[in-house]
Amino acid sequence: MVGDSRAEPSRIMPGSFESWLEKVLDSIFQEGVNSATLNFMNYTFYALFAVLTTLFLGSGLNLHVLALLLLAIVLCLATNWFVSELYRESLRQKEKSSSKPLPKPDPKSE
């Protein structure tokens, strides 16, 4: 039925906000940063960019607001770079531990 307010949100939108929010809240108890947390952080930055751009244009091109916008952009880029470096390092550690050579037998023990 169209316009039925009793319809389940998961049937209307399979990737609903509730499941996304659950993933973000569950990531609090997990080590590292998962994709839901990273997406949430990026969407928050996009909202900040939109607010600061609107404020910049609405304030008559105020240079202070432009400086805040540039700082927010640099912070977003630096944070994403840092998270990607953490991910790369964890991959290197996994690769290093999986390719660890077997210990050679000690000739003195024979």
PDB file of N, CA and C in Angstrom:
ATOM      1  N   MET A   1       0.843  -1.173   0.000  1.00  0.00           N
ATOM      2  CA  MET A   1       0.000   0.000   0.000  1.00  0.00           C
ATOM      3  C   MET A   1       0.887   1.234   0.000  1.00  0.00           C
ATOM      4  N   VAL A   2       0.633   2.144  -0.896  1.00  0.00           N
ATOM      5  CA  VAL A   2       1.439   3.342  -1.006  1.00  0.00           C
ATOM      6  C   VAL A   2       1.096   4.297   0.124  1.00  0.00           C
ATOM      7  N   GLY A   3       2.120   4.864   0.768  1.00  0.00           N
ATOM      8  CA  GLY A   3       1.915   5.836   1.833  1.00  0.00           C
ATOM      9  C   GLY A   3       1.574   5.216   3.168  1.00  0.00           C
ATOM     10  N   ASP A   4       1.715   3.906   3.302  1.00  0.00           N
ATOM     11  CA  ASP A   4       1.433   3.243   4.564  1.00  0.00           C
ATOM     12  C   ASP A   4       2.562   3.538   5.535  1.00  0.00           C
ATOM     13  N   SER A   5       2.251   4.234   6.607  1.00  0.00           N
ATOM     14  CA  SER A   5       3.282   4.628   7.572  1.00  0.00           C
ATOM     15  C   SER A   5       3.700   3.477   8.464  1.00  0.00           C
ATOM     16  N   ARG A   6       2.957   2.351   8.398  1.00  0.00           N
ATOM     17  CA  ARG A   6       3.285   1.210   9.231  1.00  0.00           C
ATOM     18  C   ARG A   6       4.284   0.271   8.564  1.00  0.00           C
ATOM     19  N   ALA A   7       4.703   0.560   7.343  1.00  0.00           N
ATOM     20  CA  ALA A   7       5.646  -0.302   6.632  1.00  0.00           C
ATOM     21  C   ALA A   7       6.993  -0.284   7.349  1.00  0.00           C
ATOM     22  N   GLU A   8       7.634  -1.435   7.338  1.00  0.00           N
ATOM     23  CA  GLU A   8       8.934  -1.539   7.994  1.00  0.00           C
ATOM     24  C   GLU A   8       9.977  -0.766   7.198  1.00  0.00           C
ATOM     25  N   PRO A   9      10.842   0.001   7.884  1.00  0.00           N
ATOM     26  CA  PRO A   9      11.863   0.768   7.170  1.00  0.00           C
ATOM     27  C   PRO A   9      12.827  -0.126   6.393  1.00  0.00           C
ATOM     28  N   SER A  10      13.117  -1.329   6.909  1.00  0.00           N
ATOM     29  CA  SER A  10      14.055  -2.206   6.222  1.00  0.00           C
ATOM     30  C   SER A  10      13.479  -2.731   4.906  1.00  0.00           C
ATOM     31  N   ARG A  11      12.149  -2.801   4.802  1.00  0.00           N
ATOM     32  CA  ARG A  11      11.537  -3.242   3.548  1.00  0.00           C
ATOM     33  C   ARG A  11      11.502  -2.101   2.546  1.00  0.00           C
ATOM     34  N   ILE A  12      11.446  -0.875   3.027  1.00  0.00           N
ATOM     35  CA  ILE A  12      11.419   0.277   2.133  1.00  0.00           C
ATOM     36  C   ILE A  12      12.829   0.549   1.608  1.00  0.00           C
ATOM     37  N   MET A  13      13.790   0.631   2.510  1.00  0.00           N
ATOM     38  CA  MET A  13      15.188   0.875   2.151  1.00  0.00           C
ATOM     39  C   MET A  13      16.030  -0.232   2.770  1.00  0.00           C
ATOM     40  N   PRO A  14      16.561  -1.164   1.970  1.00  0.00           N
ATOM     41  CA  PRO A  14      17.353  -2.249   2.550  1.00  0.00           C
ATOM     42  C   PRO A  14      18.570  -1.758   3.314  1.00  0.00           C
ATOM     43  N   GLY A  15      19.283  -0.762   2.830  1.00  0.00           N
ATOM     44  CA  GLY A  15      20.442  -0.211   3.534  1.00  0.00           C
ATOM     45  C   GLY A  15      19.998   0.957   4.380  1.00  0.00           C
ATOM     46  N   SER A  16      19.170   0.702   5.358  1.00  0.00           N
ATOM     47  CA  SER A  16      18.548   1.773   6.115  1.00  0.00           C
ATOM     48  C   SER A  16      19.526   2.463   7.052  1.00  0.00           C
ATOM     49  N   PHE A  17      19.102   3.604   7.530  1.00  0.00           N
ATOM     50  CA  PHE A  17      19.914   4.404   8.439  1.00  0.00           C
ATOM     51  C   PHE A  17      20.171   3.662   9.742  1.00  0.00           C
ATOM     52  N   GLU A  18      19.187   2.886  10.203  1.00  0.00           N
ATOM     53  CA  GLU A  18      19.346   2.176  11.470  1.00  0.00           C
ATOM     54  C   GLU A  18      20.476   1.152  11.396  1.00  0.00           C
ATOM     55  N   SER A  19      20.549   0.400  10.301  1.00  0.00           N
ATOM     56  CA  SER A  19      21.614  -0.602  10.196  1.00  0.00           C
ATOM     57  C   SER A  19      22.970   0.073  10.053  1.00  0.00           C
ATOM     58  N   TRP A  20      23.004   1.186   9.359  1.00  0.00           N
ATOM     59  CA  TRP A  20      24.259   1.936   9.206  1.00  0.00           C
ATOM     60  C   TRP A  20      24.706   2.495  10.549  1.00  0.00           C
ATOM     61  N   LEU A  21      23.764   3.022  11.308  1.00  0.00           N
ATOM     62  CA  LEU A  21      24.086   3.559  12.627  1.00  0.00           C
ATOM     63  C   LEU A  21      24.537   2.455  13.578  1.00  0.00           C
ATOM     64  N   GLU A  22      23.917   1.281  13.469  1.00  0.00           N
ATOM     65  CA  GLU A  22      24.351   0.148  14.285  1.00  0.00           C
ATOM     66  C   GLU A  22      25.792  -0.238  13.978  1.00  0.00           C
ATOM     67  N   LYS A  23      26.169  -0.222  12.704  1.00  0.00           N
ATOM     68  CA  LYS A  23      27.546  -0.553  12.322  1.00  0.00           C
ATOM     69  C   LYS A  23      28.528   0.443  12.915  1.00  0.00           C
ATOM     70  N   VAL A  24      28.157   1.726  12.885  1.00  0.00           N
ATOM     71  CA  VAL A  24      29.048   2.752  13.440  1.00  0.00           C
ATOM     72  C   VAL A  24      29.177   2.573  14.945  1.00  0.00           C
ATOM     73  N   LEU A  25      28.072   2.343  15.633  1.00  0.00           N
ATOM     74  CA  LEU A  25      28.125   2.167  17.086  1.00  0.00           C
ATOM     75  C   LEU A  25      28.826   0.866  17.482  1.00  0.00           C
ATOM     76  N   ASP A  26      28.659  -0.181  16.700  1.00  0.00           N
ATOM     77  CA  ASP A  26      29.360  -1.436  16.984  1.00  0.00           C
ATOM     78  C   ASP A  26      30.865  -1.301  16.778  1.00  0.00           C
ATOM     79  N   SER A  27      31.274  -0.401  15.913  1.00  0.00           N
ATOM     80  CA  SER A  27      32.709  -0.230  15.647  1.00  0.00           C
ATOM     81  C   SER A  27      33.446   0.368  16.844  1.00  0.00           C
ATOM     82  N   ILE A  28      32.715   0.899  17.805  1.00  0.00           N
ATOM     83  CA  ILE A  28      33.342   1.428  19.017  1.00  0.00           C
ATOM     84  C   ILE A  28      34.075   0.319  19.745  1.00  0.00           C
ATOM     85  N   PHE A  29      33.532  -0.891  19.691  1.00  0.00           N
ATOM     86  CA  PHE A  29      34.096  -2.009  20.435  1.00  0.00           C
ATOM     87  C   PHE A  29      35.065  -2.849  19.608  1.00  0.00           C
ATOM     88  N   GLN A  30      35.354  -2.404  18.396  1.00  0.00           N
ATOM     89  CA  GLN A  30      36.283  -3.123  17.534  1.00  0.00           C
ATOM     90  C   GLN A  30      37.564  -2.335  17.369  1.00  0.00           C
ATOM     91  N   GLU A  31      38.629  -3.071  17.096  1.00  0.00           N
ATOM     92  CA  GLU A  31      39.921  -2.425  16.897  1.00  0.00           C
ATOM     93  C   GLU A  31      39.983  -1.837  15.491  1.00  0.00           C
ATOM     94  N   GLY A  32      40.582  -0.674  15.372  1.00  0.00           N
ATOM     95  CA  GLY A  32      40.766  -0.062  14.065  1.00  0.00           C
ATOM     96  C   GLY A  32      39.555   0.723  13.602  1.00  0.00           C
ATOM     97  N   VAL A  33      39.605   1.111  12.339  1.00  0.00           N
ATOM     98  CA  VAL A  33      38.535   1.892  11.736  1.00  0.00           C
ATOM     99  C   VAL A  33      37.910   1.054  10.639  1.00  0.00           C
ATOM    100  N   ASN A  34      36.598   0.851  10.717  1.00  0.00           N
ATOM    101  CA  ASN A  34      35.940   0.102   9.656  1.00  0.00           C
ATOM    102  C   ASN A  34      35.324   1.068   8.646  1.00  0.00           C
ATOM    103  N   SER A  35      34.750   0.517   7.596  1.00  0.00           N
ATOM    104  CA  SER A  35      34.239   1.360   6.517  1.00  0.00           C
ATOM    105  C   SER A  35      33.055   2.217   6.961  1.00  0.00           C
ATOM    106  N   ALA A  36      32.229   1.718   7.877  1.00  0.00           N
ATOM    107  CA  ALA A  36      31.085   2.510   8.335  1.00  0.00           C
ATOM    108  C   ALA A  36      31.556   3.750   9.090  1.00  0.00           C
ATOM    109  N   THR A  37      32.567   3.588   9.913  1.00  0.00           N
ATOM    110  CA  THR A  37      33.101   4.731  10.657  1.00  0.00           C
ATOM    111  C   THR A  37      33.742   5.744   9.721  1.00  0.00           C
ATOM    112  N   LEU A  38      34.491   5.238   8.744  1.00  0.00           N
ATOM    113  CA  LEU A  38      35.148   6.122   7.787  1.00  0.00           C
ATOM    114  C   LEU A  38      34.119   6.872   6.939  1.00  0.00           C
ATOM    115  N   ASN A  39      33.073   6.177   6.523  1.00  0.00           N
ATOM    116  CA  ASN A  39      32.004   6.845   5.763  1.00  0.00           C
ATOM    117  C   ASN A  39      31.315   7.906   6.611  1.00  0.00           C
ATOM    118  N   PHE A  40      31.034   7.586   7.873  1.00  0.00           N
ATOM    119  CA  PHE A  40      30.399   8.553   8.764  1.00  0.00           C
ATOM    120  C   PHE A  40      31.270   9.796   8.923  1.00  0.00           C
ATOM    121  N   MET A  41      32.577   9.584   9.093  1.00  0.00           N
ATOM    122  CA  MET A  41      33.495  10.710   9.237  1.00  0.00           C
ATOM    123  C   MET A  41      33.514  11.563   7.965  1.00  0.00           C
ATOM    124  N   ASN A  42      33.559  10.906   6.806  1.00  0.00           N
ATOM    125  CA  ASN A  42      33.579  11.656   5.554  1.00  0.00           C
ATOM    126  C   ASN A  42      32.280  12.426   5.326  1.00  0.00           C
ATOM    127  N   TYR A  43      31.135  11.818   5.628  1.00  0.00           N
ATOM    128  CA  TYR A  43      29.865  12.527   5.480  1.00  0.00           C
ATOM    129  C   TYR A  43      29.788  13.723   6.425  1.00  0.00           C
ATOM    130  N   THR A  44      30.373  13.584   7.599  1.00  0.00           N
ATOM    131  CA  THR A  44      30.405  14.704   8.539  1.00  0.00           C
ATOM    132  C   THR A  44      31.268  15.836   7.989  1.00  0.00           C
ATOM    133  N   PHE A  45      32.394  15.484   7.404  1.00  0.00           N
ATOM    134  CA  PHE A  45      33.233  16.503   6.769  1.00  0.00           C
ATOM    135  C   PHE A  45      32.505  17.173   5.607  1.00  0.00           C
ATOM    136  N   TYR A  46      31.768  16.394   4.800  1.00  0.00           N
ATOM    137  CA  TYR A  46      31.034  16.983   3.680  1.00  0.00           C
ATOM    138  C   TYR A  46      29.986  17.976   4.187  1.00  0.00           C
ATOM    139  N   ALA A  47      29.329  17.635   5.286  1.00  0.00           N
ATOM    140  CA  ALA A  47      28.355  18.564   5.874  1.00  0.00           C
ATOM    141  C   ALA A  47      29.053  19.828   6.362  1.00  0.00           C
ATOM    142  N   LEU A  48      30.239  19.663   6.963  1.00  0.00           N
ATOM    143  CA  LEU A  48      31.005  20.830   7.415  1.00  0.00           C
ATOM    144  C   LEU A  48      31.410  21.703   6.239  1.00  0.00           C
ATOM    145  N   PHE A  49      31.829  21.066   5.136  1.00  0.00           N
ATOM    146  CA  PHE A  49      32.192  21.840   3.935  1.00  0.00           C
ATOM    147  C   PHE A  49      30.996  22.625   3.410  1.00  0.00           C
ATOM    148  N   ALA A  50      29.828  21.995   3.407  1.00  0.00           N
ATOM    149  CA  ALA A  50      28.626  22.669   2.916  1.00  0.00           C
ATOM    150  C   ALA A  50      28.270  23.861   3.798  1.00  0.00           C
ATOM    151  N   VAL A  51      28.356  23.679   5.111  1.00  0.00           N
ATOM    152  CA  VAL A  51      28.033  24.773   6.037  1.00  0.00           C
ATOM    153  C   VAL A  51      29.036  25.912   5.880  1.00  0.00           C
ATOM    154  N   LEU A  52      30.316  25.579   5.830  1.00  0.00           N
ATOM    155  CA  LEU A  52      31.333  26.630   5.721  1.00  0.00           C
ATOM    156  C   LEU A  52      31.290  27.331   4.363  1.00  0.00           C
ATOM    157  N   THR A  53      30.975  26.593   3.298  1.00  0.00           N
ATOM    158  CA  THR A  53      30.844  27.237   1.985  1.00  0.00           C
ATOM    159  C   THR A  53      29.654  28.184   1.975  1.00  0.00           C
ATOM    160  N   THR A  54      28.547  27.755   2.543  1.00  0.00           N
ATOM    161  CA  THR A  54      27.373  28.627   2.629  1.00  0.00           C
ATOM    162  C   THR A  54      27.666  29.857   3.478  1.00  0.00           C
ATOM    163  N   LEU A  55      28.350  29.654   4.582  1.00  0.00           N
ATOM    164  CA  LEU A  55      28.719  30.778   5.449  1.00  0.00           C
ATOM    165  C   LEU A  55      29.680  31.725   4.739  1.00  0.00           C
ATOM    166  N   PHE A  56      30.620  31.146   3.981  1.00  0.00           N
ATOM    167  CA  PHE A  56      31.585  31.967   3.245  1.00  0.00           C
ATOM    168  C   PHE A  56      30.874  32.832   2.208  1.00  0.00           C
ATOM    169  N   LEU A  57      29.960  32.232   1.469  1.00  0.00           N
ATOM    170  CA  LEU A  57      29.242  32.996   0.445  1.00  0.00           C
ATOM    171  C   LEU A  57      28.245  33.965   1.070  1.00  0.00           C
ATOM    172  N   GLY A  58      27.644  33.573   2.183  1.00  0.00           N
ATOM    173  CA  GLY A  58      26.657  34.426   2.836  1.00  0.00           C
ATOM    174  C   GLY A  58      27.260  35.567   3.623  1.00  0.00           C
ATOM    175  N   SER A  59      28.532  35.441   3.991  1.00  0.00           N
ATOM    176  CA  SER A  59      29.165  36.494   4.790  1.00  0.00           C
ATOM    177  C   SER A  59      29.907  37.513   3.937  1.00  0.00           C
ATOM    178  N   GLY A  60      29.678  37.473   2.653  1.00  0.00           N
ATOM    179  CA  GLY A  60      30.340  38.444   1.795  1.00  0.00           C
ATOM    180  C   GLY A  60      31.805  38.097   1.554  1.00  0.00           C
ATOM    181  N   LEU A  61      32.092  36.807   1.384  1.00  0.00           N
ATOM    182  CA  LEU A  61      33.440  36.305   1.105  1.00  0.00           C
ATOM    183  C   LEU A  61      34.442  36.676   2.201  1.00  0.00           C
ATOM    184  N   ASN A  62      34.059  36.418   3.433  1.00  0.00           N
ATOM    185  CA  ASN A  62      34.897  36.696   4.592  1.00  0.00           C
ATOM    186  C   ASN A  62      36.117  35.777   4.577  1.00  0.00           C
ATOM    187  N   LEU A  63      37.307  36.367   4.700  1.00  0.00           N
ATOM    188  CA  LEU A  63      38.544  35.591   4.634  1.00  0.00           C
ATOM    189  C   LEU A  63      38.721  34.669   5.838  1.00  0.00           C
ATOM    190  N   HIS A  64      38.160  35.028   6.978  1.00  0.00           N
ATOM    191  CA  HIS A  64      38.262  34.170   8.154  1.00  0.00           C
ATOM    192  C   HIS A  64      37.509  32.857   7.926  1.00  0.00           C
ATOM    193  N   VAL A  65      36.353  32.949   7.302  1.00  0.00           N
ATOM    194  CA  VAL A  65      35.568  31.747   7.011  1.00  0.00           C
ATOM    195  C   VAL A  65      36.272  30.919   5.935  1.00  0.00           C
ATOM    196  N   LEU A  66      36.893  31.590   4.975  1.00  0.00           N
ATOM    197  CA  LEU A  66      37.665  30.880   3.959  1.00  0.00           C
ATOM    198  C   LEU A  66      38.820  30.113   4.601  1.00  0.00           C
ATOM    199  N   ALA A  67      39.483  30.724   5.576  1.00  0.00           N
ATOM    200  CA  ALA A  67      40.572  30.040   6.286  1.00  0.00           C
ATOM    201  C   ALA A  67      40.035  28.809   7.020  1.00  0.00           C
ATOM    202  N   LEU A  68      38.868  28.929   7.653  1.00  0.00           N
ATOM    203  CA  LEU A  68      38.269  27.773   8.321  1.00  0.00           C
ATOM    204  C   LEU A  68      37.921  26.670   7.322  1.00  0.00           C
ATOM    205  N   LEU A  69      37.410  27.055   6.164  1.00  0.00           N
ATOM    206  CA  LEU A  69      37.075  26.076   5.135  1.00  0.00           C
ATOM    207  C   LEU A  69      38.330  25.360   4.646  1.00  0.00           C
ATOM    208  N   LEU A  70      39.389  26.089   4.418  1.00  0.00           N
ATOM    209  CA  LEU A  70      40.644  25.473   3.976  1.00  0.00           C
ATOM    210  C   LEU A  70      41.228  24.556   5.049  1.00  0.00           C
ATOM    211  N   LEU A  71      41.137  24.977   6.307  1.00  0.00           N
ATOM    212  CA  LEU A  71      41.611  24.115   7.397  1.00  0.00           C
ATOM    213  C   LEU A  71      40.793  22.823   7.477  1.00  0.00           C
ATOM    214  N   ALA A  72      39.495  22.917   7.274  1.00  0.00           N
ATOM    215  CA  ALA A  72      38.642  21.729   7.307  1.00  0.00           C
ATOM    216  C   ALA A  72      38.993  20.782   6.159  1.00  0.00           C
ATOM    217  N   ILE A  73      39.272  21.341   4.987  1.00  0.00           N
ATOM    218  CA  ILE A  73      39.657  20.513   3.841  1.00  0.00           C
ATOM    219  C   ILE A  73      40.974  19.797   4.123  1.00  0.00           C
ATOM    220  N   VAL A  74      41.949  20.533   4.649  1.00  0.00           N
ATOM    221  CA  VAL A  74      43.244  19.931   4.960  1.00  0.00           C
ATOM    222  C   VAL A  74      43.090  18.863   6.046  1.00  0.00           C
ATOM    223  N   LEU A  75      42.266  19.111   7.039  1.00  0.00           N
ATOM    224  CA  LEU A  75      42.038  18.134   8.098  1.00  0.00           C
ATOM    225  C   LEU A  75      41.398  16.864   7.541  1.00  0.00           C
ATOM    226  N   CYS A  76      40.443  17.005   6.643  1.00  0.00           N
ATOM    227  CA  CYS A  76      39.794  15.858   6.019  1.00  0.00           C
ATOM    228  C   CYS A  76      40.805  15.040   5.216  1.00  0.00           C
ATOM    229  N   LEU A  77      41.604  15.715   4.404  1.00  0.00           N
ATOM    230  CA  LEU A  77      42.608  15.013   3.603  1.00  0.00           C
ATOM    231  C   LEU A  77      43.639  14.319   4.479  1.00  0.00           C
ATOM    232  N   ALA A  78      44.107  14.994   5.523  1.00  0.00           N
ATOM    233  CA  ALA A  78      45.117  14.414   6.407  1.00  0.00           C
ATOM    234  C   ALA A  78      44.560  13.205   7.167  1.00  0.00           C
ATOM    235  N   THR A  79      43.324  13.297   7.604  1.00  0.00           N
ATOM    236  CA  THR A  79      42.713  12.188   8.330  1.00  0.00           C
ATOM    237  C   THR A  79      42.540  10.975   7.428  1.00  0.00           C
ATOM    238  N   ASN A  80      42.067  11.189   6.216  1.00  0.00           N
ATOM    239  CA  ASN A  80      41.906  10.076   5.280  1.00  0.00           C
ATOM    240  C   ASN A  80      43.257   9.478   4.897  1.00  0.00           C
ATOM    241  N   TRP A  81      44.267  10.303   4.725  1.00  0.00           N
ATOM    242  CA  TRP A  81      45.597   9.804   4.429  1.00  0.00           C
ATOM    243  C   TRP A  81      46.115   8.946   5.587  1.00  0.00           C
ATOM    244  N   PHE A  82      45.941   9.424   6.817  1.00  0.00           N
ATOM    245  CA  PHE A  82      46.417   8.692   7.987  1.00  0.00           C
ATOM    246  C   PHE A  82      45.726   7.340   8.120  1.00  0.00           C
ATOM    247  N   VAL A  83      44.422   7.307   7.895  1.00  0.00           N
ATOM    248  CA  VAL A  83      43.688   6.045   7.981  1.00  0.00           C
ATOM    249  C   VAL A  83      44.161   5.087   6.890  1.00  0.00           C
ATOM    250  N   SER A  84      44.417   5.605   5.687  1.00  0.00           N
ATOM    251  CA  SER A  84      44.904   4.725   4.618  1.00  0.00           C
ATOM    252  C   SER A  84      46.299   4.192   4.940  1.00  0.00           C
ATOM    253  N   GLU A  85      47.146   4.996   5.562  1.00  0.00           N
ATOM    254  CA  GLU A  85      48.470   4.525   5.972  1.00  0.00           C
ATOM    255  C   GLU A  85      48.370   3.463   7.067  1.00  0.00           C
ATOM    256  N   LEU A  86      47.450   3.628   7.997  1.00  0.00           N
ATOM    257  CA  LEU A  86      47.231   2.597   9.017  1.00  0.00           C
ATOM    258  C   LEU A  86      46.799   1.287   8.376  1.00  0.00           C
ATOM    259  N   TYR A  87      45.935   1.377   7.388  1.00  0.00           N
ATOM    260  CA  TYR A  87      45.468   0.183   6.687  1.00  0.00           C
ATOM    261  C   TYR A  87      46.618  -0.492   5.946  1.00  0.00           C
ATOM    262  N   ARG A  88      47.422   0.304   5.249  1.00  0.00           N
ATOM    263  CA  ARG A  88      48.574  -0.262   4.535  1.00  0.00           C
ATOM    264  C   ARG A  88      49.554  -0.927   5.487  1.00  0.00           C
ATOM    265  N   GLU A  89      49.794  -0.308   6.613  1.00  0.00           N
ATOM    266  CA  GLU A  89      50.728  -0.876   7.578  1.00  0.00           C
ATOM    267  C   GLU A  89      50.186  -2.187   8.153  1.00  0.00           C
ATOM    268  N   SER A  90      48.891  -2.254   8.406  1.00  0.00           N
ATOM    269  CA  SER A  90      48.323  -3.504   8.908  1.00  0.00           C
ATOM    270  C   SER A  90      48.440  -4.604   7.853  1.00  0.00           C
ATOM    271  N   LEU A  91      48.283  -4.251   6.572  1.00  0.00           N
ATOM    272  CA  LEU A  91      48.479  -5.238   5.511  1.00  0.00           C
ATOM    273  C   LEU A  91      49.929  -5.703   5.455  1.00  0.00           C
ATOM    274  N   ARG A  92      50.873  -4.775   5.623  1.00  0.00           N
ATOM    275  CA  ARG A  92      52.288  -5.144   5.632  1.00  0.00           C
ATOM    276  C   ARG A  92      52.602  -6.082   6.785  1.00  0.00           C
ATOM    277  N   GLN A  93      52.038  -5.790   7.963  1.00  0.00           N
ATOM    278  CA  GLN A  93      52.276  -6.640   9.125  1.00  0.00           C
ATOM    279  C   GLN A  93      51.703  -8.043   8.916  1.00  0.00           C
ATOM    280  N   LYS A  94      50.512  -8.127   8.323  1.00  0.00           N
ATOM    281  CA  LYS A  94      49.914  -9.432   8.056  1.00  0.00           C
ATOM    282  C   LYS A  94      50.754 -10.208   7.042  1.00  0.00           C
ATOM    283  N   GLU A  95      51.220  -9.499   6.015  1.00  0.00           N
ATOM    284  CA  GLU A  95      52.042 -10.145   4.998  1.00  0.00           C
ATOM    285  C   GLU A  95      53.363 -10.616   5.597  1.00  0.00           C
ATOM    286  N   LYS A  96      53.939  -9.789   6.445  1.00  0.00           N
ATOM    287  CA  LYS A  96      55.212 -10.139   7.079  1.00  0.00           C
ATOM    288  C   LYS A  96      55.045 -11.347   7.996  1.00  0.00           C
ATOM    289  N   SER A  97      53.961 -11.395   8.755  1.00  0.00           N
ATOM    290  CA  SER A  97      53.759 -12.516   9.674  1.00  0.00           C
ATOM    291  C   SER A  97      53.401 -13.801   8.931  1.00  0.00           C
ATOM    292  N   SER A  98      52.728 -13.694   7.780  1.00  0.00           N
ATOM    293  CA  SER A  98      52.363 -14.906   7.036  1.00  0.00           C
ATOM    294  C   SER A  98      53.546 -15.462   6.260  1.00  0.00           C
ATOM    295  N   SER A  99      54.501 -14.625   5.879  1.00  0.00           N
ATOM    296  CA  SER A  99      55.665 -15.101   5.133  1.00  0.00           C
ATOM    297  C   SER A  99      56.877 -15.300   6.031  1.00  0.00           C
ATOM    298  N   LYS A 100      56.632 -15.434   7.306  1.00  0.00           N
ATOM    299  CA  LYS A 100      57.710 -15.629   8.268  1.00  0.00           C
ATOM    300  C   LYS A 100      58.345 -17.004   8.044  1.00  0.00           C
ATOM    301  N   PRO A 101      59.670 -17.063   7.836  1.00  0.00           N
ATOM    302  CA  PRO A 101      60.307 -18.360   7.580  1.00  0.00           C
ATOM    303  C   PRO A 101      60.288 -19.241   8.831  1.00  0.00           C
ATOM    304  N   LEU A 102      60.296 -20.542   8.592  1.00  0.00           N
ATOM    305  CA  LEU A 102      60.322 -21.480   9.701  1.00  0.00           C
ATOM    306  C   LEU A 102      61.685 -21.410  10.399  1.00  0.00           C
ATOM    307  N   PRO A 103      61.709 -21.542  11.703  1.00  0.00           N
ATOM    308  CA  PRO A 103      62.994 -21.486  12.408  1.00  0.00           C
ATOM    309  C   PRO A 103      63.866 -22.690  12.047  1.00  0.00           C
ATOM    310  N   LYS A 104      65.143 -22.427  11.889  1.00  0.00           N
ATOM    311  CA  LYS A 104      66.086 -23.494  11.563  1.00  0.00           C
ATOM    312  C   LYS A 104      66.372 -24.297  12.830  1.00  0.00           C
ATOM    313  N   PRO A 105      66.510 -25.606  12.675  1.00  0.00           N
ATOM    314  CA  PRO A 105      66.807 -26.427  13.857  1.00  0.00           C
ATOM    315  C   PRO A 105      68.199 -26.116  14.394  1.00  0.00           C
ATOM    316  N   ASP A 106      68.332 -26.170  15.676  1.00  0.00           N
ATOM    317  CA  ASP A 106      69.602 -25.901  16.324  1.00  0.00           C
ATOM    318  C   ASP A 106      70.489 -27.149  16.253  1.00  0.00           C
ATOM    319  N   PRO A 107      71.685 -27.057  15.608  1.00  0.00           N
ATOM    320  CA  PRO A 107      72.525 -28.247  15.469  1.00  0.00           C
ATOM    321  C   PRO A 107      73.056 -28.752  16.802  1.00  0.00           C
ATOM    322  N   LYS A 108      73.113 -27.949  17.820  1.00  0.00           N
ATOM    323  CA  LYS A 108      73.633 -28.359  19.125  1.00  0.00           C
ATOM    324  C   LYS A 108      72.648 -29.284  19.842  1.00  0.00           C
ATOM    325  N   SER A 109      71.377 -29.163  19.524  1.00  0.00           N
ATOM    326  CA  SER A 109      70.376 -29.975  20.213  1.00  0.00           C
ATOM    327  C   SER A 109      70.348 -31.405  19.679  1.00  0.00           C
ATOM    328  N   GLU A 110      70.934 -31.686  18.545  1.00  0.00           N
ATOM    329  CA  GLU A 110      70.934 -33.037  17.972  1.00  0.00           C
ATOM    330  C   GLU A 110      72.001 -33.894  18.524  1.00  0.00           C
TER     331      GLU A 110
END
